Every structure is written in structure tokens, then in C-alpha cells.
Amino acid sequence: MTQLLEDHAPLALGAEVGRSRFIVGAYGFWRVHVRMLVAEAGAADPDAMVEPLLAPLAPEVFVRQRELGLSVERIAAGLGVLAHGVLGHP
């Protein structure tokens, strides 16, 4: 996902502004995908986990991190730590 944002951040920013991100097709796809992964990981309440896990992937958050000088690899690593921590996996 981070590489997708790196390659298409302007498009994502244009398509996913504010609450409109929740009604575009891409968000719906990512929501279903992340929910499935969270359920497969054994989370007790996958529905409650989806938006908190997707929030750091908002295009404006990604762009801000890049503006601060973080590499795509560092952002991806941080997201991995977050996801593993939330799901209780090392």
C-alpha cells in the first residue's frame, strides 16, 4: 500500500478528501481486505479494528510523512509495527 501511495499520492489525495474517502470504491476494497486479514489473524472484533488500522494510510498522512523526510520503507516498517502491536503478534 505504501508503494501505491508513493506512486499515486496526487491521485489518492484528489479522490479521497475528508469523509469522501469512505464512499469511493478504493476505500471499500481496502476495508474489506483489511477486515479479512484482521479476522484471519484472530482479532476478537475485526469490525472495530478496520478503521484504526486504515487511518495511518490516509493519503494526507502518507504525504506528510514523506514531507518530513521519511522513506517509503520506514513508513512501511512503522505500519508493520503498528499492525503487529494492535493484533498482538510479535
PDB file of N, CA and C in Angstrom:
ATOM      1  N   MET A   1       0.819  -1.192   0.000  1.00  0.00           N
ATOM      2  CA  MET A   1       0.000   0.000   0.000  1.00  0.00           C
ATOM      3  C   MET A   1       0.863   1.257   0.000  1.00  0.00           C
ATOM      4  N   THR A   2       1.975   1.224   0.720  1.00  0.00           N
ATOM      5  CA  THR A   2       2.822   2.414   0.760  1.00  0.00           C
ATOM      6  C   THR A   2       3.394   2.724  -0.623  1.00  0.00           C
ATOM      7  N   GLN A   3       3.753   1.697  -1.385  1.00  0.00           N
ATOM      8  CA  GLN A   3       4.271   1.947  -2.731  1.00  0.00           C
ATOM      9  C   GLN A   3       3.173   2.500  -3.628  1.00  0.00           C
ATOM     10  N   LEU A   4       1.961   2.020  -3.456  1.00  0.00           N
ATOM     11  CA  LEU A   4       0.838   2.554  -4.216  1.00  0.00           C
ATOM     12  C   LEU A   4       0.648   4.040  -3.908  1.00  0.00           C
ATOM     13  N   LEU A   5       0.727   4.399  -2.634  1.00  0.00           N
ATOM     14  CA  LEU A   5       0.621   5.808  -2.263  1.00  0.00           C
ATOM     15  C   LEU A   5       1.793   6.614  -2.807  1.00  0.00           C
ATOM     16  N   GLU A   6       2.978   6.050  -2.763  1.00  0.00           N
ATOM     17  CA  GLU A   6       4.154   6.740  -3.295  1.00  0.00           C
ATOM     18  C   GLU A   6       3.972   7.034  -4.794  1.00  0.00           C
ATOM     19  N   ASP A   7       3.474   6.050  -5.515  1.00  0.00           N
ATOM     20  CA  ASP A   7       3.326   6.184  -6.960  1.00  0.00           C
ATOM     21  C   ASP A   7       2.150   7.069  -7.366  1.00  0.00           C
ATOM     22  N   HIS A   8       1.106   7.116  -6.513  1.00  0.00           N
ATOM     23  CA  HIS A   8      -0.133   7.776  -6.923  1.00  0.00           C
ATOM     24  C   HIS A   8      -0.702   8.719  -5.863  1.00  0.00           C
ATOM     25  N   ALA A   9       0.131   9.295  -5.037  1.00  0.00           N
ATOM     26  CA  ALA A   9      -0.350  10.169  -3.962  1.00  0.00           C
ATOM     27  C   ALA A   9      -1.230  11.313  -4.477  1.00  0.00           C
ATOM     28  N   PRO A  10      -0.857  12.022  -5.543  1.00  0.00           N
ATOM     29  CA  PRO A  10      -1.732  13.111  -6.007  1.00  0.00           C
ATOM     30  C   PRO A  10      -3.129  12.614  -6.391  1.00  0.00           C
ATOM     31  N   LEU A  11      -3.191  11.466  -7.048  1.00  0.00           N
ATOM     32  CA  LEU A  11      -4.486  10.899  -7.420  1.00  0.00           C
ATOM     33  C   LEU A  11      -5.274  10.514  -6.174  1.00  0.00           C
ATOM     34  N   ALA A  12      -4.613   9.866  -5.221  1.00  0.00           N
ATOM     35  CA  ALA A  12      -5.291   9.464  -3.983  1.00  0.00           C
ATOM     36  C   ALA A  12      -5.768  10.679  -3.207  1.00  0.00           C
ATOM     37  N   LEU A  13      -4.963  11.720  -3.158  1.00  0.00           N
ATOM     38  CA  LEU A  13      -5.365  12.940  -2.457  1.00  0.00           C
ATOM     39  C   LEU A  13      -6.588  13.571  -3.112  1.00  0.00           C
ATOM     40  N   GLY A  14      -6.651  13.520  -4.437  1.00  0.00           N
ATOM     41  CA  GLY A  14      -7.793  14.085  -5.146  1.00  0.00           C
ATOM     42  C   GLY A  14      -9.058  13.268  -4.986  1.00  0.00           C
ATOM     43  N   ALA A  15      -8.918  11.976  -4.871  1.00  0.00           N
ATOM     44  CA  ALA A  15     -10.072  11.088  -4.789  1.00  0.00           C
ATOM     45  C   ALA A  15     -10.556  10.879  -3.360  1.00  0.00           C
ATOM     46  N   GLU A  16      -9.673  11.048  -2.393  1.00  0.00           N
ATOM     47  CA  GLU A  16     -10.014  10.720  -1.013  1.00  0.00           C
ATOM     48  C   GLU A  16      -9.841  11.938  -0.114  1.00  0.00           C
ATOM     49  N   VAL A  17     -10.750  12.882  -0.245  1.00  0.00           N
ATOM     50  CA  VAL A  17     -10.690  14.093   0.553  1.00  0.00           C
ATOM     51  C   VAL A  17     -11.727  14.003   1.673  1.00  0.00           C
ATOM     52  N   GLY A  18     -11.257  14.165   2.908  1.00  0.00           N
ATOM     53  CA  GLY A  18     -12.187  14.147   4.043  1.00  0.00           C
ATOM     54  C   GLY A  18     -13.036  12.891   4.081  1.00  0.00           C
ATOM     55  N   ARG A  19     -14.310  13.074   4.395  1.00  0.00           N
ATOM     56  CA  ARG A  19     -15.221  11.929   4.518  1.00  0.00           C
ATOM     57  C   ARG A  19     -15.502  11.250   3.177  1.00  0.00           C
ATOM     58  N   SER A  20     -15.192  11.918   2.065  1.00  0.00           N
ATOM     59  CA  SER A  20     -15.459  11.303   0.767  1.00  0.00           C
ATOM     60  C   SER A  20     -14.657  10.019   0.584  1.00  0.00           C
ATOM     61  N   ARG A  21     -13.558   9.871   1.324  1.00  0.00           N
ATOM     62  CA  ARG A  21     -12.751   8.657   1.185  1.00  0.00           C
ATOM     63  C   ARG A  21     -13.562   7.399   1.514  1.00  0.00           C
ATOM     64  N   PHE A  22     -14.577   7.557   2.369  1.00  0.00           N
ATOM     65  CA  PHE A  22     -15.348   6.391   2.791  1.00  0.00           C
ATOM     66  C   PHE A  22     -16.349   5.923   1.752  1.00  0.00           C
ATOM     67  N   ILE A  23     -16.614   6.737   0.735  1.00  0.00           N
ATOM     68  CA  ILE A  23     -17.606   6.340  -0.260  1.00  0.00           C
ATOM     69  C   ILE A  23     -16.995   5.962  -1.604  1.00  0.00           C
ATOM     70  N   VAL A  24     -15.694   6.192  -1.764  1.00  0.00           N
ATOM     71  CA  VAL A  24     -15.068   5.800  -3.030  1.00  0.00           C
ATOM     72  C   VAL A  24     -14.793   4.293  -3.020  1.00  0.00           C
ATOM     73  N   GLY A  25     -14.737   3.716  -4.192  1.00  0.00           N
ATOM     74  CA  GLY A  25     -14.546   2.277  -4.310  1.00  0.00           C
ATOM     75  C   GLY A  25     -13.261   1.756  -3.712  1.00  0.00           C
ATOM     76  N   ALA A  26     -12.173   2.540  -3.833  1.00  0.00           N
ATOM     77  CA  ALA A  26     -10.883   2.063  -3.332  1.00  0.00           C
ATOM     78  C   ALA A  26     -10.934   1.827  -1.826  1.00  0.00           C
ATOM     79  N   TYR A  27     -11.530   2.727  -1.073  1.00  0.00           N
ATOM     80  CA  TYR A  27     -11.597   2.560   0.375  1.00  0.00           C
ATOM     81  C   TYR A  27     -12.396   1.305   0.728  1.00  0.00           C
ATOM     82  N   GLY A  28     -13.502   1.097   0.022  1.00  0.00           N
ATOM     83  CA  GLY A  28     -14.321  -0.096   0.274  1.00  0.00           C
ATOM     84  C   GLY A  28     -13.527  -1.371   0.056  1.00  0.00           C
ATOM     85  N   PHE A  29     -12.720  -1.393  -1.009  1.00  0.00           N
ATOM     86  CA  PHE A  29     -11.869  -2.550  -1.273  1.00  0.00           C
ATOM     87  C   PHE A  29     -10.885  -2.762  -0.129  1.00  0.00           C
ATOM     88  N   TRP A  30     -10.172  -1.681   0.268  1.00  0.00           N
ATOM     89  CA  TRP A  30      -9.184  -1.806   1.333  1.00  0.00           C
ATOM     90  C   TRP A  30      -9.835  -2.194   2.651  1.00  0.00           C
ATOM     91  N   ARG A  31     -11.051  -1.687   2.908  1.00  0.00           N
ATOM     92  CA  ARG A  31     -11.745  -2.024   4.152  1.00  0.00           C
ATOM     93  C   ARG A  31     -12.042  -3.529   4.209  1.00  0.00           C
ATOM     94  N   VAL A  32     -12.577  -4.063   3.129  1.00  0.00           N
ATOM     95  CA  VAL A  32     -12.881  -5.497   3.077  1.00  0.00           C
ATOM     96  C   VAL A  32     -11.591  -6.308   3.217  1.00  0.00           C
ATOM     97  N   HIS A  33     -10.556  -5.900   2.530  1.00  0.00           N
ATOM     98  CA  HIS A  33      -9.281  -6.629   2.565  1.00  0.00           C
ATOM     99  C   HIS A  33      -8.681  -6.629   3.977  1.00  0.00           C
ATOM    100  N   VAL A  34      -8.608  -5.463   4.595  1.00  0.00           N
ATOM    101  CA  VAL A  34      -8.025  -5.373   5.942  1.00  0.00           C
ATOM    102  C   VAL A  34      -8.892  -6.120   6.944  1.00  0.00           C
ATOM    103  N   ARG A  35     -10.218  -6.026   6.821  1.00  0.00           N
ATOM    104  CA  ARG A  35     -11.088  -6.761   7.738  1.00  0.00           C
ATOM    105  C   ARG A  35     -10.833  -8.264   7.643  1.00  0.00           C
ATOM    106  N   MET A  36     -10.673  -8.757   6.415  1.00  0.00           N
ATOM    107  CA  MET A  36     -10.394 -10.178   6.215  1.00  0.00           C
ATOM    108  C   MET A  36      -9.069 -10.565   6.877  1.00  0.00           C
ATOM    109  N   LEU A  37      -8.035  -9.748   6.689  1.00  0.00           N
ATOM    110  CA  LEU A  37      -6.740 -10.046   7.294  1.00  0.00           C
ATOM    111  C   LEU A  37      -6.812 -10.026   8.817  1.00  0.00           C
ATOM    112  N   VAL A  38      -7.538  -9.052   9.353  1.00  0.00           N
ATOM    113  CA  VAL A  38      -7.677  -8.941  10.811  1.00  0.00           C
ATOM    114  C   VAL A  38      -8.446 -10.138  11.357  1.00  0.00           C
ATOM    115  N   ALA A  39      -9.496 -10.553  10.664  1.00  0.00           N
ATOM    116  CA  ALA A  39     -10.267 -11.728  11.094  1.00  0.00           C
ATOM    117  C   ALA A  39      -9.403 -12.986  11.037  1.00  0.00           C
ATOM    118  N   GLU A  40      -8.630 -13.133   9.961  1.00  0.00           N
ATOM    119  CA  GLU A  40      -7.743 -14.292   9.837  1.00  0.00           C
ATOM    120  C   GLU A  40      -6.670 -14.305  10.918  1.00  0.00           C
ATOM    121  N   ALA A  41      -6.282 -13.109  11.391  1.00  0.00           N
ATOM    122  CA  ALA A  41      -5.275 -13.019  12.448  1.00  0.00           C
ATOM    123  C   ALA A  41      -5.861 -13.359  13.818  1.00  0.00           C
ATOM    124  N   GLY A  42      -7.178 -13.539  13.875  1.00  0.00           N
ATOM    125  CA  GLY A  42      -7.813 -13.959  15.120  1.00  0.00           C
ATOM    126  C   GLY A  42      -8.253 -12.834  16.030  1.00  0.00           C
ATOM    127  N   ALA A  43      -8.375 -11.617  15.515  1.00  0.00           N
ATOM    128  CA  ALA A  43      -8.832 -10.497  16.345  1.00  0.00           C
ATOM    129  C   ALA A  43     -10.249 -10.757  16.826  1.00  0.00           C
ATOM    130  N   ALA A  44     -10.518 -10.390  18.057  1.00  0.00           N
ATOM    131  CA  ALA A  44     -11.825 -10.639  18.659  1.00  0.00           C
ATOM    132  C   ALA A  44     -12.936  -9.849  17.973  1.00  0.00           C
ATOM    133  N   ASP A  45     -12.657  -8.631  17.526  1.00  0.00           N
ATOM    134  CA  ASP A  45     -13.671  -7.774  16.915  1.00  0.00           C
ATOM    135  C   ASP A  45     -13.097  -7.093  15.677  1.00  0.00           C
ATOM    136  N   PRO A  46     -13.017  -7.818  14.572  1.00  0.00           N
ATOM    137  CA  PRO A  46     -12.405  -7.262  13.363  1.00  0.00           C
ATOM    138  C   PRO A  46     -13.048  -5.961  12.894  1.00  0.00           C
ATOM    139  N   ASP A  47     -14.361  -5.832  13.040  1.00  0.00           N
ATOM    140  CA  ASP A  47     -15.036  -4.625  12.572  1.00  0.00           C
ATOM    141  C   ASP A  47     -14.558  -3.381  13.309  1.00  0.00           C
ATOM    142  N   ALA A  48     -14.208  -3.539  14.572  1.00  0.00           N
ATOM    143  CA  ALA A  48     -13.733  -2.400  15.355  1.00  0.00           C
ATOM    144  C   ALA A  48     -12.278  -2.055  15.043  1.00  0.00           C
ATOM    145  N   MET A  49     -11.579  -2.929  14.360  1.00  0.00           N
ATOM    146  CA  MET A  49     -10.151  -2.731  14.098  1.00  0.00           C
ATOM    147  C   MET A  49      -9.852  -2.108  12.732  1.00  0.00           C
ATOM    148  N   VAL A  50     -10.793  -2.199  11.806  1.00  0.00           N
ATOM    149  CA  VAL A  50     -10.503  -1.819  10.428  1.00  0.00           C
ATOM    150  C   VAL A  50     -10.124  -0.348  10.290  1.00  0.00           C
ATOM    151  N   GLU A  51     -10.982   0.556  10.714  1.00  0.00           N
ATOM    152  CA  GLU A  51     -10.688   1.979  10.526  1.00  0.00           C
ATOM    153  C   GLU A  51      -9.439   2.425  11.286  1.00  0.00           C
ATOM    154  N   PRO A  52      -9.223   1.977  12.530  1.00  0.00           N
ATOM    155  CA  PRO A  52      -7.972   2.365  13.194  1.00  0.00           C
ATOM    156  C   PRO A  52      -6.718   1.889  12.449  1.00  0.00           C
ATOM    157  N   LEU A  53      -6.803   0.743  11.792  1.00  0.00           N
ATOM    158  CA  LEU A  53      -5.649   0.264  11.038  1.00  0.00           C
ATOM    159  C   LEU A  53      -5.490   0.968   9.696  1.00  0.00           C
ATOM    160  N   LEU A  54      -6.593   1.406   9.101  1.00  0.00           N
ATOM    161  CA  LEU A  54      -6.517   2.114   7.829  1.00  0.00           C
ATOM    162  C   LEU A  54      -6.190   3.596   7.992  1.00  0.00           C
ATOM    163  N   ALA A  55      -6.499   4.170   9.132  1.00  0.00           N
ATOM    164  CA  ALA A  55      -6.299   5.609   9.337  1.00  0.00           C
ATOM    165  C   ALA A  55      -4.874   6.074   9.032  1.00  0.00           C
ATOM    166  N   PRO A  56      -3.840   5.347   9.469  1.00  0.00           N
ATOM    167  CA  PRO A  56      -2.481   5.814   9.157  1.00  0.00           C
ATOM    168  C   PRO A  56      -2.135   5.749   7.671  1.00  0.00           C
ATOM    169  N   LEU A  57      -2.983   5.098   6.886  1.00  0.00           N
ATOM    170  CA  LEU A  57      -2.748   5.009   5.448  1.00  0.00           C
ATOM    171  C   LEU A  57      -3.505   6.075   4.662  1.00  0.00           C
ATOM    172  N   ALA A  58      -4.113   7.028   5.357  1.00  0.00           N
ATOM    173  CA  ALA A  58      -4.777   8.131   4.657  1.00  0.00           C
ATOM    174  C   ALA A  58      -3.729   8.847   3.804  1.00  0.00           C
ATOM    175  N   PRO A  59      -4.077   9.195   2.586  1.00  0.00           N
ATOM    176  CA  PRO A  59      -3.098   9.822   1.700  1.00  0.00           C
ATOM    177  C   PRO A  59      -2.423  11.050   2.298  1.00  0.00           C
ATOM    178  N   GLU A  60      -3.182  11.889   3.008  1.00  0.00           N
ATOM    179  CA  GLU A  60      -2.568  13.090   3.563  1.00  0.00           C
ATOM    180  C   GLU A  60      -1.572  12.768   4.670  1.00  0.00           C
ATOM    181  N   VAL A  61      -1.786  11.674   5.395  1.00  0.00           N
ATOM    182  CA  VAL A  61      -0.823  11.245   6.421  1.00  0.00           C
ATOM    183  C   VAL A  61       0.459  10.774   5.734  1.00  0.00           C
ATOM    184  N   PHE A  62       0.298   9.957   4.692  1.00  0.00           N
ATOM    185  CA  PHE A  62       1.455   9.462   3.954  1.00  0.00           C
ATOM    186  C   PHE A  62       2.266  10.619   3.366  1.00  0.00           C
ATOM    187  N   VAL A  63       1.583  11.548   2.718  1.00  0.00           N
ATOM    188  CA  VAL A  63       2.285  12.682   2.102  1.00  0.00           C
ATOM    189  C   VAL A  63       3.011  13.490   3.174  1.00  0.00           C
ATOM    190  N   ARG A  64       2.382  13.704   4.311  1.00  0.00           N
ATOM    191  CA  ARG A  64       3.035  14.455   5.390  1.00  0.00           C
ATOM    192  C   ARG A  64       4.297  13.739   5.863  1.00  0.00           C
ATOM    193  N   GLN A  65       4.231  12.426   6.020  1.00  0.00           N
ATOM    194  CA  GLN A  65       5.410  11.671   6.440  1.00  0.00           C
ATOM    195  C   GLN A  65       6.538  11.800   5.417  1.00  0.00           C
ATOM    196  N   ARG A  66       6.182  11.771   4.139  1.00  0.00           N
ATOM    197  CA  ARG A  66       7.203  11.933   3.095  1.00  0.00           C
ATOM    198  C   ARG A  66       7.791  13.336   3.146  1.00  0.00           C
ATOM    199  N   GLU A  67       6.940  14.350   3.395  1.00  0.00           N
ATOM    200  CA  GLU A  67       7.428  15.723   3.515  1.00  0.00           C
ATOM    201  C   GLU A  67       8.405  15.870   4.682  1.00  0.00           C
ATOM    202  N   LEU A  68       8.193  15.075   5.723  1.00  0.00           N
ATOM    203  CA  LEU A  68       9.075  15.098   6.882  1.00  0.00           C
ATOM    204  C   LEU A  68      10.362  14.318   6.650  1.00  0.00           C
ATOM    205  N   GLY A  69      10.493  13.717   5.466  1.00  0.00           N
ATOM    206  CA  GLY A  69      11.716  13.034   5.096  1.00  0.00           C
ATOM    207  C   GLY A  69      11.743  11.546   5.351  1.00  0.00           C
ATOM    208  N   LEU A  70      10.621  10.961   5.761  1.00  0.00           N
ATOM    209  CA  LEU A  70      10.599   9.523   5.982  1.00  0.00           C
ATOM    210  C   LEU A  70      10.566   8.797   4.637  1.00  0.00           C
ATOM    211  N   SER A  71      11.345   7.743   4.525  1.00  0.00           N
ATOM    212  CA  SER A  71      11.335   6.939   3.302  1.00  0.00           C
ATOM    213  C   SER A  71      10.096   6.045   3.295  1.00  0.00           C
ATOM    214  N   VAL A  72       9.764   5.565   2.118  1.00  0.00           N
ATOM    215  CA  VAL A  72       8.648   4.637   1.989  1.00  0.00           C
ATOM    216  C   VAL A  72       8.902   3.398   2.857  1.00  0.00           C
ATOM    217  N   GLU A  73      10.144   2.958   2.892  1.00  0.00           N
ATOM    218  CA  GLU A  73      10.492   1.770   3.675  1.00  0.00           C
ATOM    219  C   GLU A  73      10.272   1.999   5.178  1.00  0.00           C
ATOM    220  N   ARG A  74      10.660   3.182   5.664  1.00  0.00           N
ATOM    221  CA  ARG A  74      10.452   3.499   7.085  1.00  0.00           C
ATOM    222  C   ARG A  74       8.973   3.580   7.422  1.00  0.00           C
ATOM    223  N   ILE A  75       8.196   4.183   6.535  1.00  0.00           N
ATOM    224  CA  ILE A  75       6.752   4.276   6.764  1.00  0.00           C
ATOM    225  C   ILE A  75       6.152   2.877   6.809  1.00  0.00           C
ATOM    226  N   ALA A  76       6.526   2.030   5.852  1.00  0.00           N
ATOM    227  CA  ALA A  76       6.010   0.655   5.820  1.00  0.00           C
ATOM    228  C   ALA A  76       6.414  -0.116   7.070  1.00  0.00           C
ATOM    229  N   ALA A  77       7.640   0.058   7.518  1.00  0.00           N
ATOM    230  CA  ALA A  77       8.097  -0.633   8.730  1.00  0.00           C
ATOM    231  C   ALA A  77       7.300  -0.176   9.949  1.00  0.00           C
ATOM    232  N   GLY A  78       7.059   1.123  10.042  1.00  0.00           N
ATOM    233  CA  GLY A  78       6.263   1.647  11.152  1.00  0.00           C
ATOM    234  C   GLY A  78       4.845   1.105  11.134  1.00  0.00           C
ATOM    235  N   LEU A  79       4.262   1.016   9.951  1.00  0.00           N
ATOM    236  CA  LEU A  79       2.920   0.458   9.830  1.00  0.00           C
ATOM    237  C   LEU A  79       2.901  -1.015  10.224  1.00  0.00           C
ATOM    238  N   GLY A  80       3.977  -1.732   9.888  1.00  0.00           N
ATOM    239  CA  GLY A  80       4.073  -3.141  10.287  1.00  0.00           C
ATOM    240  C   GLY A  80       4.121  -3.296  11.797  1.00  0.00           C
ATOM    241  N   VAL A  81       4.900  -2.456  12.444  1.00  0.00           N
ATOM    242  CA  VAL A  81       4.978  -2.488  13.914  1.00  0.00           C
ATOM    243  C   VAL A  81       3.609  -2.195  14.513  1.00  0.00           C
ATOM    244  N   LEU A  82       2.941  -1.190  13.963  1.00  0.00           N
ATOM    245  CA  LEU A  82       1.605  -0.828  14.454  1.00  0.00           C
ATOM    246  C   LEU A  82       0.624  -1.986  14.303  1.00  0.00           C
ATOM    247  N   ALA A  83       0.575  -2.573  13.124  1.00  0.00           N
ATOM    248  CA  ALA A  83      -0.362  -3.665  12.870  1.00  0.00           C
ATOM    249  C   ALA A  83      -0.065  -4.871  13.778  1.00  0.00           C
ATOM    250  N   HIS A  84       1.199  -5.236  13.896  1.00  0.00           N
ATOM    251  CA  HIS A  84       1.543  -6.370  14.751  1.00  0.00           C
ATOM    252  C   HIS A  84       1.219  -6.077  16.212  1.00  0.00           C
ATOM    253  N   GLY A  85       1.456  -4.850  16.636  1.00  0.00           N
ATOM    254  CA  GLY A  85       1.156  -4.475  18.021  1.00  0.00           C
ATOM    255  C   GLY A  85      -0.331  -4.516  18.312  1.00  0.00           C
ATOM    256  N   VAL A  86      -1.124  -4.009  17.380  1.00  0.00           N
ATOM    257  CA  VAL A  86      -2.567  -3.990  17.554  1.00  0.00           C
ATOM    258  C   VAL A  86      -3.115  -5.409  17.589  1.00  0.00           C
ATOM    259  N   LEU A  87      -2.558  -6.273  16.765  1.00  0.00           N
ATOM    260  CA  LEU A  87      -3.064  -7.635  16.678  1.00  0.00           C
ATOM    261  C   LEU A  87      -2.398  -8.577  17.680  1.00  0.00           C
ATOM    262  N   GLY A  88      -1.439  -8.063  18.448  1.00  0.00           N
ATOM    263  CA  GLY A  88      -0.801  -8.888  19.467  1.00  0.00           C
ATOM    264  C   GLY A  88       0.150  -9.928  18.927  1.00  0.00           C
ATOM    265  N   HIS A  89       0.738  -9.638  17.779  1.00  0.00           N
ATOM    266  CA  HIS A  89       1.706 -10.552  17.163  1.00  0.00           C
ATOM    267  C   HIS A  89       3.093  -9.924  17.227  1.00  0.00           C
ATOM    268  N   PRO A  90       4.112 -10.731  17.474  1.00  0.00           N
ATOM    269  CA  PRO A  90       5.466 -10.179  17.513  1.00  0.00           C
ATOM    270  C   PRO A  90       5.969  -9.757  16.141  1.00  0.00           C
TER     271      PRO A  90
END
